[in-house]
Amino acid sequence: MYEPSALVSAELKRTPPREPDLMEPDYLDKYDMSTVFYDVFPQGTDLVTVGPPLENFASDIDFSAAHIAESPVQFVSTRLDRTEVGAFAGAPVRPDRVLTLPGIGDAPLNEVDYLKLLAGSRALITKSKNNRLEWIVDWAKYYVRVHDIDTVIVYDNGSDQYDCDQVLEALSTLNLAHVIVVNWPFRFGPQGRSAPGKNVLWDSDYCEYGIMEHARRRFLGSARMVINHDIDELLVMESELSLDELLDRSPDGVLSYQGIWVHSGGDLPAGSYSFTDIRMIDPTERPTTPKWVIDPGRVSDARQWKTHLIDGIDYEQTVSCGHRHFRQISTNWKFDRSKEHRRVRPLVRDRLLAGYLDYAYADAPTPYLQLLGAHLREGATAQERTAAIVDVVNMERFSRYNLTKHWFWTPTINVSDFSLANGVRVGIEIILVGTLLSSVCVARDDASWTILQHVGQATTKPISNRNHHRELGCWNALAPIETITTDLVFCISEVLSGLSAVPAQAVALLTERA
């Protein structure tokens, strides 16, 4: 556990930036009036400080009187958005150093060089208060398995359901090189509010801005990668590129992307659910706020790391990745996110997310490309590659739809014939084209073709000189092989389920007319 060397004023109070008539009833209870510095830590011969904006403390506190073992140190600071960073210059280097700020107190210094310790790390950072320990572990496990994260830093903002050591113990069960739980008990601050004739006021929520700059300057300035996501957010790739490849190709070292709310589709049992129980989205819903991944070495000139952006450098948002914001993974500290009963727009299953969840939380996960095995083997024939994919898809999982035949039409097209209980007869083709994959559903008679056109979700096209059969594309385009355990399996299930729901009488009537 990391314990900051904080300096807090017992008598002096910070003057709030907001006029009394614009304060909510509980504003002063939430406002941080007393913290001078969240932490003071060594960096070379300087002592770096991160804290709330000094405001009146800049003149009310005699920073020129600060010293270490009677040796004076000179203080300078820079005001940022809702936080302030500074440095005491000329601090003597000696063991067991303590910074003394007369009238405020003493700050023993932690001499560990975390920038050096975490250099080159692949880090995930967040803040948390009273999130369930199993959620925190599942969240970190996802990033370890999907994005190869090796470092997790959690700023615990005053949890009272457990202590920091319990968070550390829970995360220590994962395969991580570094787990740091920072005890961060400072007031979070009042949230923004509307004011007549003004934009929403966001002027007093210091805590989170202090966390971001502290993480940057104390821990992660030399990291290889930093992912900034809350406990209720999971990052997914929307292209064939890995996170590393996408970040490396970024011209500015920043990946900024929007999110999608994910819903359960119904009320969940209290205390016994996690990410895998929440997989539904509303395609018409507005995106959630953006988050980011950065290469700190390439954004060293940035003015400030913020919750939703990197300030001081130019970059564009990407659509090649995004995050999923889980509505029911919440302590409801801001508003009640647990219920879905007022929803009127229909929800659909997030196929991409479902595949990531199934992979991340499998008992013994194996990377997709290892699952395929033979199809990547150098020298493998086209049919061996296709067969490996078919083995992973495992068409036997659809045997309840009466799988009657399973065969290769060509070396790169595998066919499974189904004769459904209602009389519909179709074939499912899995087609390999280079490193891409597609699937079609082929009607075996005219009645099945008529039904298929109404049930299917994608474009139809005739196939000439093939017994007058017709086919319906389950995908509108080819997709990367890695999606076989996500879109392909779900798509086949969706088509077969839709076809089997057609009444047998309707099939019989169409057959007679044909």
Foldseek 3Di string as FASTA:
>chain_A
DAEAQWWWAPPFFADAPDDPVPADPCQVVQFFTITPFLHWEDDPQKIKTKFFPCHCVVPVFDQQPKAKPPHTWDKDWDDDQGMIMIITHRHDDDPQIWIARPNTGIGTYDHDQQQVVQAAFAEEEEEDAPQDLVLQQLLVLLCCQQVVGAEYEYEYQQHPVDDQVVSVVSNVVDNHPYYHYYDHPGRQGDAWDDDVPDDTDDRGRRRQQSVQVCCCPRHPLRYQKYWYDYSQKDKFFQAPDHPVVVQVPFPQFKAKAWEFEWALQFFDPPPPDYDLSTFKGFVPDDIHAITMMGRSVRVVVFPGDHGRDTHDDDGDHDPRMYMYGYQCSDPCPPHDSRGDVVDDGDIDGDLRVNLSSCQSPPPDHDQLVVQLPQLPDPPRDLLSSQVSLCVVLPCVVVCLQPFDDWQAPDSFWIWTWGQGPLGWTWIKIWGDDPQWIWIKIKGPDDLNVVQLVVQADADWDWDPPPNRITIGTLDNDTGGSSSSSTSVSVSVVSSSVSSNPDHSVSSVVSVVVD
